[in-house]
Amino acid sequence: MTKAAHPLISNDLVIRNSFDIKAEDFLIITGANMAGKSTFLRTVSLMIVMANCGLPVCATNCTYKPIKLITSMRTTDSLSDEASYFYSELSRLKVIIDYISKDTYFIVLDEILKGTNSHDKAKGSKQFVEKLVKSKSSGIIATHDLSLCTLEESLSSVKNYYFDAEIIDDELHFDYKLKDGICQNMNASFLLKKMGIV
């Protein structure tokens, strides 16, 4: 995909990114808050939906093979269903596992296992990604958990990318560009101080 853009962002504001996702590849996307991870996931997801419908996509060049899409991006809890946030997320991940056991999918996940502690999250997320890789599907996983990036060392189909943020003159700056590697700059502490929360 060359110079892909989110179709709902105006041309004078949109930042275009080029990327290549081959069959059975999984991209792990890290990055600071507000750096562009979720927008990128939505861009790719929309492109798949639009291409599957035979619509033009927002890119200067696109080589694409039709594939089914499944996502987990906006999990919510429910008092009426007596489902906690974590249980809702697990239920959605179980649906994904059931689907990919029967067919090949493109999987888009935004920050999996948010509803548990860091140790459990790191261990469970790694095991889940390993299961996804064995399914022969492809996908993108956005995360703040840098321990997931170590999977690139043991799984040839996993590749690390990131969106960056810089602090210049006490202000945050984003270029919204997808880069190879692992994000080194996080911004939660800076934002907490900047907004006078801590």
N, C-alpha and C. Protein backbone atom coordinates (compact mmCIF):
# COMPACT_ATOMS: atom_id res chain seq x y z
N MET A 1 0.85 -1.17 0.00
CA MET A 1 0.00 0.00 0.00
C MET A 1 0.90 1.24 0.00
N THR A 2 0.67 2.14 -0.93
CA THR A 2 1.49 3.36 -1.02
C THR A 2 0.65 4.58 -0.68
N LYS A 3 1.15 5.38 0.25
CA LYS A 3 0.51 6.64 0.65
C LYS A 3 -0.97 6.47 0.98
N ALA A 4 -1.23 5.54 1.90
CA ALA A 4 -2.61 5.30 2.33
C ALA A 4 -3.06 6.38 3.31
N ALA A 5 -4.37 6.70 3.27
CA ALA A 5 -4.91 7.74 4.14
C ALA A 5 -6.28 7.33 4.65
N HIS A 6 -6.65 7.85 5.81
CA HIS A 6 -8.00 7.64 6.33
C HIS A 6 -8.96 8.44 5.47
N PRO A 7 -10.02 7.81 4.94
CA PRO A 7 -10.89 8.50 3.99
C PRO A 7 -11.73 9.63 4.58
N LEU A 8 -11.84 9.70 5.91
CA LEU A 8 -12.67 10.73 6.53
C LEU A 8 -11.86 11.91 7.06
N ILE A 9 -10.55 11.90 6.83
CA ILE A 9 -9.72 13.04 7.23
C ILE A 9 -9.44 13.87 5.98
N SER A 10 -9.65 15.17 6.08
CA SER A 10 -9.53 16.03 4.90
C SER A 10 -8.10 16.03 4.36
N ASN A 11 -7.98 16.25 3.05
CA ASN A 11 -6.69 16.19 2.36
C ASN A 11 -5.66 17.15 2.94
N ASP A 12 -6.10 18.31 3.44
CA ASP A 12 -5.13 19.28 3.96
C ASP A 12 -4.61 18.90 5.35
N LEU A 13 -5.25 17.91 6.00
CA LEU A 13 -4.82 17.49 7.34
C LEU A 13 -4.24 16.08 7.38
N VAL A 14 -4.62 15.26 6.42
CA VAL A 14 -4.27 13.84 6.49
C VAL A 14 -2.77 13.62 6.30
N ILE A 15 -2.24 12.65 7.04
CA ILE A 15 -0.86 12.20 6.87
C ILE A 15 -0.93 10.80 6.26
N ARG A 16 -0.22 10.63 5.16
CA ARG A 16 -0.27 9.35 4.44
C ARG A 16 0.88 8.43 4.86
N ASN A 17 0.59 7.15 4.92
CA ASN A 17 1.60 6.16 5.27
C ASN A 17 1.62 5.02 4.26
N SER A 18 2.81 4.54 3.97
CA SER A 18 2.98 3.38 3.09
C SER A 18 3.34 2.17 3.95
N PHE A 19 2.80 1.01 3.59
CA PHE A 19 3.08 -0.20 4.37
C PHE A 19 2.86 -1.42 3.50
N ASP A 20 3.40 -2.55 3.96
CA ASP A 20 3.29 -3.81 3.23
C ASP A 20 2.99 -4.90 4.23
N ILE A 21 1.83 -5.52 4.11
CA ILE A 21 1.47 -6.62 5.01
C ILE A 21 1.24 -7.85 4.14
N LYS A 22 2.14 -8.79 4.24
CA LYS A 22 2.02 -10.02 3.45
C LYS A 22 1.13 -11.03 4.17
N ALA A 23 0.72 -12.06 3.45
CA ALA A 23 -0.09 -13.13 4.05
C ALA A 23 0.65 -13.72 5.25
N GLU A 24 -0.07 -13.87 6.34
CA GLU A 24 0.43 -14.46 7.60
C GLU A 24 1.35 -13.53 8.39
N ASP A 25 1.49 -12.27 7.96
CA ASP A 25 2.26 -11.29 8.73
C ASP A 25 1.41 -10.73 9.87
N PHE A 26 2.06 -10.43 10.99
CA PHE A 26 1.42 -9.69 12.07
C PHE A 26 2.30 -8.50 12.43
N LEU A 27 1.73 -7.31 12.36
CA LEU A 27 2.46 -6.10 12.75
C LEU A 27 2.11 -5.75 14.18
N ILE A 28 3.14 -5.55 15.00
CA ILE A 28 2.96 -5.03 16.36
C ILE A 28 3.26 -3.53 16.29
N ILE A 29 2.26 -2.70 16.60
CA ILE A 29 2.42 -1.24 16.51
C ILE A 29 2.48 -0.65 17.91
N THR A 30 3.61 -0.05 18.25
CA THR A 30 3.72 0.65 19.53
C THR A 30 3.74 2.15 19.26
N GLY A 31 3.62 2.92 20.33
CA GLY A 31 3.66 4.37 20.15
C GLY A 31 3.09 5.10 21.34
N ALA A 32 3.42 6.35 21.42
CA ALA A 32 2.94 7.21 22.50
C ALA A 32 1.43 7.43 22.35
N ASN A 33 0.81 7.92 23.42
CA ASN A 33 -0.60 8.29 23.36
C ASN A 33 -0.80 9.37 22.31
N MET A 34 -1.87 9.25 21.53
CA MET A 34 -2.28 10.24 20.52
C MET A 34 -1.33 10.31 19.33
N ALA A 35 -0.42 9.35 19.19
CA ALA A 35 0.58 9.41 18.12
C ALA A 35 0.07 8.89 16.78
N GLY A 36 -1.09 8.21 16.77
CA GLY A 36 -1.65 7.77 15.50
C GLY A 36 -1.93 6.28 15.37
N LYS A 37 -1.72 5.50 16.43
CA LYS A 37 -1.90 4.05 16.34
C LYS A 37 -3.34 3.67 15.96
N SER A 38 -4.30 4.17 16.71
CA SER A 38 -5.70 3.79 16.46
C SER A 38 -6.20 4.30 15.12
N THR A 39 -5.77 5.49 14.72
CA THR A 39 -6.17 6.01 13.40
C THR A 39 -5.61 5.12 12.30
N PHE A 40 -4.40 4.63 12.48
CA PHE A 40 -3.81 3.73 11.50
C PHE A 40 -4.62 2.42 11.41
N LEU A 41 -5.00 1.88 12.57
CA LEU A 41 -5.81 0.65 12.57
C LEU A 41 -7.13 0.87 11.82
N ARG A 42 -7.75 2.01 12.08
CA ARG A 42 -9.01 2.32 11.40
C ARG A 42 -8.81 2.53 9.90
N THR A 43 -7.69 3.14 9.54
CA THR A 43 -7.38 3.34 8.12
C THR A 43 -7.28 2.00 7.40
N VAL A 44 -6.52 1.08 7.96
CA VAL A 44 -6.35 -0.24 7.34
C VAL A 44 -7.68 -1.00 7.31
N SER A 45 -8.42 -0.95 8.41
CA SER A 45 -9.71 -1.65 8.47
C SER A 45 -10.69 -1.12 7.43
N LEU A 46 -10.77 0.20 7.32
CA LEU A 46 -11.66 0.80 6.33
C LEU A 46 -11.25 0.43 4.91
N MET A 47 -9.94 0.39 4.67
CA MET A 47 -9.46 0.02 3.33
C MET A 47 -9.87 -1.41 2.98
N ILE A 48 -9.81 -2.31 3.95
CA ILE A 48 -10.21 -3.70 3.70
C ILE A 48 -11.71 -3.77 3.40
N VAL A 49 -12.51 -3.09 4.23
CA VAL A 49 -13.96 -3.10 4.01
C VAL A 49 -14.30 -2.51 2.64
N MET A 50 -13.70 -1.37 2.31
CA MET A 50 -13.99 -0.70 1.04
C MET A 50 -13.53 -1.56 -0.15
N ALA A 51 -12.34 -2.13 -0.06
CA ALA A 51 -11.83 -2.96 -1.16
C ALA A 51 -12.68 -4.22 -1.32
N ASN A 52 -13.12 -4.81 -0.21
CA ASN A 52 -13.97 -6.00 -0.29
C ASN A 52 -15.31 -5.70 -0.97
N CYS A 53 -15.76 -4.44 -0.86
CA CYS A 53 -17.03 -4.02 -1.49
C CYS A 53 -16.82 -3.56 -2.93
N GLY A 54 -15.57 -3.54 -3.39
CA GLY A 54 -15.29 -3.08 -4.74
C GLY A 54 -15.19 -1.57 -4.87
N LEU A 55 -15.04 -0.88 -3.74
CA LEU A 55 -14.92 0.58 -3.76
C LEU A 55 -13.46 0.99 -3.91
N PRO A 56 -13.21 2.21 -4.40
CA PRO A 56 -11.82 2.69 -4.43
C PRO A 56 -11.34 2.96 -3.01
N VAL A 57 -10.04 2.80 -2.80
CA VAL A 57 -9.46 3.08 -1.48
C VAL A 57 -8.61 4.34 -1.55
N CYS A 58 -8.36 4.92 -0.38
CA CYS A 58 -7.59 6.17 -0.31
C CYS A 58 -6.09 5.86 -0.25
N ALA A 59 -5.51 5.66 -1.40
CA ALA A 59 -4.07 5.39 -1.52
C ALA A 59 -3.66 5.66 -2.96
N THR A 60 -2.38 5.97 -3.15
CA THR A 60 -1.93 6.19 -4.53
C THR A 60 -1.72 4.87 -5.26
N ASN A 61 -1.45 3.79 -4.49
CA ASN A 61 -1.27 2.48 -5.10
C ASN A 61 -1.65 1.41 -4.08
N CYS A 62 -2.35 0.38 -4.54
CA CYS A 62 -2.78 -0.67 -3.61
C CYS A 62 -2.82 -2.01 -4.33
N THR A 63 -2.06 -2.97 -3.81
CA THR A 63 -2.16 -4.35 -4.29
C THR A 63 -2.82 -5.13 -3.17
N TYR A 64 -3.95 -5.75 -3.48
CA TYR A 64 -4.80 -6.29 -2.42
C TYR A 64 -5.45 -7.60 -2.84
N LYS A 65 -5.50 -8.55 -1.92
CA LYS A 65 -6.22 -9.80 -2.14
C LYS A 65 -7.37 -9.83 -1.14
N PRO A 66 -8.61 -10.02 -1.59
CA PRO A 66 -9.75 -10.00 -0.66
C PRO A 66 -9.56 -10.93 0.53
N ILE A 67 -9.93 -10.43 1.71
CA ILE A 67 -9.81 -11.21 2.94
C ILE A 67 -10.89 -10.74 3.91
N LYS A 68 -11.38 -11.64 4.73
CA LYS A 68 -12.37 -11.27 5.74
C LYS A 68 -11.68 -10.50 6.87
N LEU A 69 -12.42 -9.57 7.46
CA LEU A 69 -11.89 -8.71 8.53
C LEU A 69 -12.61 -9.01 9.84
N ILE A 70 -11.83 -9.08 10.92
CA ILE A 70 -12.42 -9.18 12.26
C ILE A 70 -11.60 -8.29 13.20
N THR A 71 -12.27 -7.57 14.08
CA THR A 71 -11.57 -6.61 14.94
C THR A 71 -12.00 -6.71 16.39
N SER A 72 -11.16 -6.16 17.26
CA SER A 72 -11.52 -5.89 18.65
C SER A 72 -10.89 -4.54 18.98
N MET A 73 -11.72 -3.50 18.93
CA MET A 73 -11.19 -2.15 19.11
C MET A 73 -11.93 -1.33 20.17
N ARG A 74 -13.18 -1.65 20.44
CA ARG A 74 -13.95 -0.84 21.39
C ARG A 74 -14.75 -1.74 22.33
N THR A 75 -14.07 -2.39 23.23
CA THR A 75 -14.75 -3.25 24.19
C THR A 75 -15.35 -2.41 25.31
N THR A 76 -16.56 -2.76 25.75
CA THR A 76 -17.19 -2.05 26.87
C THR A 76 -17.76 -3.04 27.87
N ASP A 77 -17.89 -2.58 29.12
CA ASP A 77 -18.52 -3.43 30.12
C ASP A 77 -20.03 -3.23 30.05
N SER A 78 -20.78 -4.05 30.79
CA SER A 78 -22.24 -3.95 30.76
C SER A 78 -22.81 -4.40 32.10
N LEU A 79 -23.45 -3.45 32.81
CA LEU A 79 -24.11 -3.80 34.08
C LEU A 79 -25.29 -4.72 33.82
N SER A 80 -26.07 -4.44 32.78
CA SER A 80 -27.27 -5.24 32.51
C SER A 80 -26.92 -6.68 32.16
N ASP A 81 -25.79 -6.88 31.48
CA ASP A 81 -25.36 -8.24 31.13
C ASP A 81 -24.43 -8.85 32.18
N GLU A 82 -24.18 -8.11 33.26
CA GLU A 82 -23.27 -8.56 34.33
C GLU A 82 -21.92 -8.97 33.76
N ALA A 83 -21.43 -8.14 32.82
CA ALA A 83 -20.15 -8.44 32.18
C ALA A 83 -19.16 -7.32 32.48
N SER A 84 -18.06 -7.66 33.14
CA SER A 84 -17.02 -6.68 33.41
C SER A 84 -16.29 -6.35 32.11
N TYR A 85 -15.50 -5.28 32.16
CA TYR A 85 -14.73 -4.90 30.97
C TYR A 85 -13.84 -6.07 30.53
N PHE A 86 -13.16 -6.68 31.50
CA PHE A 86 -12.23 -7.76 31.17
C PHE A 86 -12.96 -8.96 30.58
N TYR A 87 -14.12 -9.31 31.16
CA TYR A 87 -14.89 -10.44 30.64
C TYR A 87 -15.39 -10.15 29.22
N SER A 88 -15.82 -8.92 28.99
CA SER A 88 -16.28 -8.53 27.64
C SER A 88 -15.15 -8.67 26.63
N GLU A 89 -13.95 -8.25 27.05
CA GLU A 89 -12.81 -8.36 26.15
C GLU A 89 -12.46 -9.82 25.85
N LEU A 90 -12.45 -10.64 26.89
CA LEU A 90 -12.17 -12.06 26.69
C LEU A 90 -13.20 -12.71 25.78
N SER A 91 -14.46 -12.31 25.94
CA SER A 91 -15.53 -12.86 25.10
C SER A 91 -15.29 -12.52 23.63
N ARG A 92 -14.85 -11.28 23.38
CA ARG A 92 -14.58 -10.87 22.01
C ARG A 92 -13.38 -11.63 21.44
N LEU A 93 -12.33 -11.81 22.24
CA LEU A 93 -11.15 -12.55 21.78
C LEU A 93 -11.52 -14.01 21.49
N LYS A 94 -12.43 -14.57 22.29
CA LYS A 94 -12.89 -15.94 22.06
C LYS A 94 -13.63 -16.04 20.73
N VAL A 95 -14.45 -15.03 20.41
CA VAL A 95 -15.15 -15.00 19.12
C VAL A 95 -14.12 -15.02 17.98
N ILE A 96 -13.06 -14.21 18.13
CA ILE A 96 -12.02 -14.15 17.10
C ILE A 96 -11.36 -15.52 16.92
N ILE A 97 -11.02 -16.17 18.02
CA ILE A 97 -10.39 -17.49 17.95
C ILE A 97 -11.31 -18.50 17.26
N ASP A 98 -12.61 -18.44 17.58
CA ASP A 98 -13.57 -19.36 16.95
C ASP A 98 -13.65 -19.13 15.44
N TYR A 99 -13.66 -17.86 15.03
CA TYR A 99 -13.75 -17.55 13.60
C TYR A 99 -12.50 -18.00 12.85
N ILE A 100 -11.32 -17.69 13.41
CA ILE A 100 -10.10 -18.01 12.66
C ILE A 100 -9.77 -19.49 12.67
N SER A 101 -10.48 -20.26 13.49
CA SER A 101 -10.28 -21.71 13.45
C SER A 101 -10.96 -22.32 12.23
N LYS A 102 -11.86 -21.53 11.58
CA LYS A 102 -12.61 -22.05 10.43
C LYS A 102 -12.22 -21.40 9.11
N ASP A 103 -11.57 -20.22 9.16
CA ASP A 103 -11.26 -19.51 7.93
C ASP A 103 -10.09 -18.55 8.19
N THR A 104 -9.56 -17.99 7.13
CA THR A 104 -8.46 -17.03 7.23
C THR A 104 -9.03 -15.62 7.33
N TYR A 105 -8.51 -14.85 8.27
CA TYR A 105 -9.01 -13.48 8.50
C TYR A 105 -7.85 -12.50 8.58
N PHE A 106 -8.19 -11.23 8.40
CA PHE A 106 -7.29 -10.15 8.77
C PHE A 106 -7.80 -9.63 10.10
N ILE A 107 -6.93 -9.65 11.12
CA ILE A 107 -7.32 -9.35 12.49
C ILE A 107 -6.74 -8.00 12.91
N VAL A 108 -7.59 -7.13 13.45
CA VAL A 108 -7.14 -5.83 13.95
C VAL A 108 -7.50 -5.72 15.42
N LEU A 109 -6.47 -5.56 16.25
CA LEU A 109 -6.67 -5.49 17.71
C LEU A 109 -6.05 -4.21 18.26
N ASP A 110 -6.82 -3.49 19.07
CA ASP A 110 -6.32 -2.27 19.69
C ASP A 110 -6.16 -2.50 21.19
N GLU A 111 -4.92 -2.63 21.64
CA GLU A 111 -4.57 -2.75 23.06
C GLU A 111 -5.33 -3.88 23.75
N ILE A 112 -4.93 -5.12 23.48
CA ILE A 112 -5.61 -6.27 24.08
C ILE A 112 -5.28 -6.41 25.56
N LEU A 113 -6.21 -7.03 26.28
CA LEU A 113 -6.10 -7.34 27.72
C LEU A 113 -5.83 -6.09 28.57
N LYS A 114 -6.53 -5.01 28.25
CA LYS A 114 -6.39 -3.77 29.05
C LYS A 114 -6.93 -3.97 30.46
N GLY A 115 -7.89 -4.89 30.62
CA GLY A 115 -8.57 -5.00 31.91
C GLY A 115 -7.88 -5.86 32.94
N THR A 116 -6.59 -6.11 32.81
CA THR A 116 -5.89 -6.91 33.81
C THR A 116 -4.55 -6.28 34.16
N ASN A 117 -3.86 -6.86 35.15
CA ASN A 117 -2.59 -6.26 35.60
C ASN A 117 -1.47 -6.49 34.59
N SER A 118 -0.40 -5.72 34.75
CA SER A 118 0.66 -5.74 33.73
C SER A 118 1.31 -7.10 33.53
N HIS A 119 1.54 -7.84 34.59
CA HIS A 119 2.19 -9.15 34.44
C HIS A 119 1.30 -10.11 33.67
N ASP A 120 0.02 -10.19 34.10
CA ASP A 120 -0.95 -11.04 33.40
C ASP A 120 -1.12 -10.61 31.95
N LYS A 121 -1.16 -9.30 31.75
CA LYS A 121 -1.36 -8.76 30.41
C LYS A 121 -0.22 -9.18 29.48
N ALA A 122 1.02 -9.01 29.94
CA ALA A 122 2.19 -9.34 29.12
C ALA A 122 2.19 -10.83 28.77
N LYS A 123 1.97 -11.66 29.78
CA LYS A 123 2.01 -13.12 29.56
C LYS A 123 0.86 -13.56 28.65
N GLY A 124 -0.36 -13.10 28.97
CA GLY A 124 -1.54 -13.49 28.19
C GLY A 124 -1.49 -12.96 26.76
N SER A 125 -1.02 -11.73 26.59
CA SER A 125 -0.95 -11.14 25.25
C SER A 125 0.01 -11.91 24.36
N LYS A 126 1.16 -12.27 24.91
CA LYS A 126 2.14 -13.05 24.13
C LYS A 126 1.55 -14.39 23.70
N GLN A 127 0.90 -15.07 24.63
CA GLN A 127 0.31 -16.37 24.30
C GLN A 127 -0.77 -16.22 23.23
N PHE A 128 -1.55 -15.14 23.33
CA PHE A 128 -2.62 -14.91 22.36
C PHE A 128 -2.06 -14.62 20.97
N VAL A 129 -1.03 -13.79 20.90
CA VAL A 129 -0.41 -13.48 19.60
C VAL A 129 0.21 -14.74 19.00
N GLU A 130 0.85 -15.56 19.81
CA GLU A 130 1.42 -16.81 19.32
C GLU A 130 0.33 -17.70 18.71
N LYS A 131 -0.84 -17.71 19.34
CA LYS A 131 -1.97 -18.50 18.81
C LYS A 131 -2.46 -17.92 17.48
N LEU A 132 -2.53 -16.59 17.40
CA LEU A 132 -2.95 -15.94 16.16
C LEU A 132 -2.00 -16.29 15.01
N VAL A 133 -0.70 -16.24 15.30
CA VAL A 133 0.31 -16.53 14.27
C VAL A 133 0.15 -17.95 13.74
N LYS A 134 -0.16 -18.89 14.60
CA LYS A 134 -0.33 -20.29 14.17
C LYS A 134 -1.57 -20.48 13.31
N SER A 135 -2.50 -19.54 13.36
CA SER A 135 -3.77 -19.68 12.64
C SER A 135 -3.64 -19.44 11.14
N LYS A 136 -2.51 -18.92 10.69
CA LYS A 136 -2.28 -18.58 9.28
C LYS A 136 -3.03 -17.32 8.85
N SER A 137 -3.60 -16.60 9.81
CA SER A 137 -4.24 -15.33 9.50
C SER A 137 -3.17 -14.24 9.46
N SER A 138 -3.59 -13.00 9.24
CA SER A 138 -2.69 -11.84 9.23
C SER A 138 -3.32 -10.77 10.10
N GLY A 139 -2.55 -9.74 10.46
CA GLY A 139 -3.19 -8.68 11.22
C GLY A 139 -2.27 -7.63 11.77
N ILE A 140 -2.90 -6.73 12.54
CA ILE A 140 -2.20 -5.62 13.19
C ILE A 140 -2.66 -5.55 14.64
N ILE A 141 -1.69 -5.39 15.54
CA ILE A 141 -1.99 -5.27 16.95
C ILE A 141 -1.31 -4.01 17.48
N ALA A 142 -2.11 -3.05 17.95
CA ALA A 142 -1.55 -1.85 18.57
C ALA A 142 -1.46 -2.08 20.07
N THR A 143 -0.35 -1.65 20.67
CA THR A 143 -0.15 -1.90 22.10
C THR A 143 0.79 -0.88 22.72
N HIS A 144 0.63 -0.69 24.04
CA HIS A 144 1.62 0.06 24.82
C HIS A 144 2.59 -0.89 25.51
N ASP A 145 2.31 -2.19 25.40
CA ASP A 145 3.11 -3.21 26.07
C ASP A 145 4.33 -3.56 25.22
N LEU A 146 5.47 -2.96 25.55
CA LEU A 146 6.69 -3.17 24.75
C LEU A 146 7.21 -4.61 24.82
N SER A 147 6.79 -5.37 25.84
CA SER A 147 7.25 -6.76 25.93
C SER A 147 6.74 -7.59 24.76
N LEU A 148 5.62 -7.18 24.15
CA LEU A 148 5.11 -7.90 22.98
C LEU A 148 6.08 -7.83 21.80
N CYS A 149 6.88 -6.77 21.77
CA CYS A 149 7.81 -6.56 20.66
C CYS A 149 8.90 -7.63 20.60
N THR A 150 9.14 -8.32 21.71
CA THR A 150 10.16 -9.37 21.73
C THR A 150 9.75 -10.56 20.87
N LEU A 151 8.47 -10.66 20.52
CA LEU A 151 8.00 -11.78 19.69
C LEU A 151 8.64 -11.76 18.30
N GLU A 152 9.07 -10.57 17.85
CA GLU A 152 9.73 -10.49 16.54
C GLU A 152 10.99 -11.35 16.50
N GLU A 153 11.63 -11.53 17.66
CA GLU A 153 12.87 -12.32 17.72
C GLU A 153 12.62 -13.82 17.53
N SER A 154 11.43 -14.29 17.96
CA SER A 154 11.17 -15.73 17.90
C SER A 154 10.16 -16.13 16.82
N LEU A 155 9.40 -15.15 16.30
CA LEU A 155 8.38 -15.46 15.29
C LEU A 155 8.67 -14.64 14.03
N SER A 156 9.02 -15.31 12.95
CA SER A 156 9.44 -14.60 11.74
C SER A 156 8.32 -13.78 11.10
N SER A 157 7.08 -14.13 11.38
CA SER A 157 5.96 -13.40 10.77
C SER A 157 5.58 -12.14 11.55
N VAL A 158 6.18 -11.92 12.72
CA VAL A 158 5.88 -10.73 13.53
C VAL A 158 6.89 -9.64 13.23
N LYS A 159 6.37 -8.42 12.97
CA LYS A 159 7.24 -7.29 12.65
C LYS A 159 6.84 -6.09 13.49
N ASN A 160 7.84 -5.37 14.00
CA ASN A 160 7.58 -4.21 14.87
C ASN A 160 7.60 -2.90 14.10
N TYR A 161 6.60 -2.07 14.37
CA TYR A 161 6.50 -0.71 13.82
C TYR A 161 6.04 0.21 14.93
N TYR A 162 6.22 1.51 14.72
CA TYR A 162 5.79 2.45 15.77
C TYR A 162 5.44 3.82 15.22
N PHE A 163 4.68 4.54 16.03
CA PHE A 163 4.40 5.96 15.80
C PHE A 163 5.06 6.73 16.94
N ASP A 164 5.70 7.83 16.61
CA ASP A 164 6.55 8.54 17.55
C ASP A 164 5.92 9.85 18.04
N ALA A 165 6.45 10.33 19.15
CA ALA A 165 6.12 11.67 19.66
C ALA A 165 7.39 12.30 20.19
N GLU A 166 7.53 13.60 19.97
CA GLU A 166 8.69 14.32 20.48
C GLU A 166 8.25 15.47 21.37
N ILE A 167 9.04 15.75 22.39
CA ILE A 167 8.78 16.93 23.21
C ILE A 167 9.78 18.00 22.79
N ILE A 168 9.28 19.08 22.20
CA ILE A 168 10.12 20.18 21.73
C ILE A 168 9.63 21.47 22.38
N ASP A 169 10.53 22.15 23.09
CA ASP A 169 10.16 23.40 23.79
C ASP A 169 8.94 23.20 24.69
N ASP A 170 8.96 22.10 25.44
CA ASP A 170 7.90 21.78 26.39
C ASP A 170 6.53 21.58 25.73
N GLU A 171 6.52 21.21 24.47
CA GLU A 171 5.27 20.91 23.76
C GLU A 171 5.42 19.57 23.04
N LEU A 172 4.31 18.83 22.97
CA LEU A 172 4.31 17.55 22.26
C LEU A 172 4.14 17.77 20.76
N HIS A 173 4.92 17.03 19.98
CA HIS A 173 4.81 17.11 18.53
C HIS A 173 4.70 15.70 17.96
N PHE A 174 3.77 15.53 17.02
CA PHE A 174 3.55 14.23 16.38
C PHE A 174 3.73 14.39 14.88
N ASP A 175 4.38 13.40 14.24
CA ASP A 175 4.45 13.44 12.77
C ASP A 175 3.50 12.42 12.14
N TYR A 176 2.91 11.52 12.95
CA TYR A 176 1.93 10.52 12.52
C TYR A 176 2.46 9.62 11.41
N LYS A 177 3.78 9.41 11.40
CA LYS A 177 4.41 8.57 10.37
C LYS A 177 4.74 7.19 10.95
N LEU A 178 4.39 6.16 10.20
CA LEU A 178 4.70 4.79 10.59
C LEU A 178 6.19 4.53 10.34
N LYS A 179 6.87 4.00 11.38
CA LYS A 179 8.32 3.76 11.27
C LYS A 179 8.63 2.31 11.68
N ASP A 180 9.73 1.78 11.14
CA ASP A 180 10.21 0.46 11.55
C ASP A 180 10.77 0.52 12.96
N GLY A 181 10.48 -0.52 13.76
CA GLY A 181 11.12 -0.63 15.07
C GLY A 181 10.12 -0.50 16.21
N ILE A 182 10.67 -0.14 17.38
CA ILE A 182 9.90 -0.08 18.63
C ILE A 182 9.94 1.34 19.17
N CYS A 183 8.80 1.83 19.62
CA CYS A 183 8.73 3.19 20.15
C CYS A 183 9.55 3.32 21.43
N GLN A 184 10.34 4.38 21.51
CA GLN A 184 11.15 4.63 22.70
C GLN A 184 10.63 5.81 23.53
N ASN A 185 9.73 6.60 22.95
CA ASN A 185 9.24 7.80 23.64
C ASN A 185 7.77 7.66 24.00
N MET A 186 7.47 7.56 25.28
CA MET A 186 6.08 7.54 25.75
C MET A 186 5.78 8.90 26.40
N ASN A 187 4.50 9.25 26.51
CA ASN A 187 4.20 10.61 26.93
C ASN A 187 3.20 10.77 28.07
N ALA A 188 2.79 9.68 28.70
CA ALA A 188 1.77 9.78 29.75
C ALA A 188 2.23 10.67 30.91
N SER A 189 3.47 10.48 31.39
CA SER A 189 3.98 11.28 32.51
C SER A 189 4.04 12.75 32.13
N PHE A 190 4.50 13.03 30.91
CA PHE A 190 4.57 14.41 30.44
C PHE A 190 3.20 15.05 30.42
N LEU A 191 2.20 14.33 29.91
CA LEU A 191 0.84 14.88 29.82
C LEU A 191 0.23 15.11 31.19
N LEU A 192 0.49 14.19 32.11
CA LEU A 192 -0.03 14.37 33.48
C LEU A 192 0.52 15.65 34.11
N LYS A 193 1.80 15.91 33.89
CA LYS A 193 2.40 17.13 34.44
C LYS A 193 1.92 18.37 33.68
N LYS A 194 1.88 18.27 32.36
CA LYS A 194 1.48 19.40 31.53
C LYS A 194 0.08 19.88 31.84
N MET A 195 -0.82 18.95 32.14
CA MET A 195 -2.21 19.29 32.43
C MET A 195 -2.45 19.59 33.90
N GLY A 196 -1.38 19.55 34.70
CA GLY A 196 -1.50 19.89 36.12
C GLY A 196 -2.20 18.82 36.95
N ILE A 197 -2.18 17.58 36.46
CA ILE A 197 -2.83 16.49 37.20
C ILE A 197 -1.92 15.99 38.32
N VAL A 198 -0.61 15.98 38.02
CA VAL A 198 0.37 15.60 39.06
C VAL A 198 1.40 16.71 39.21
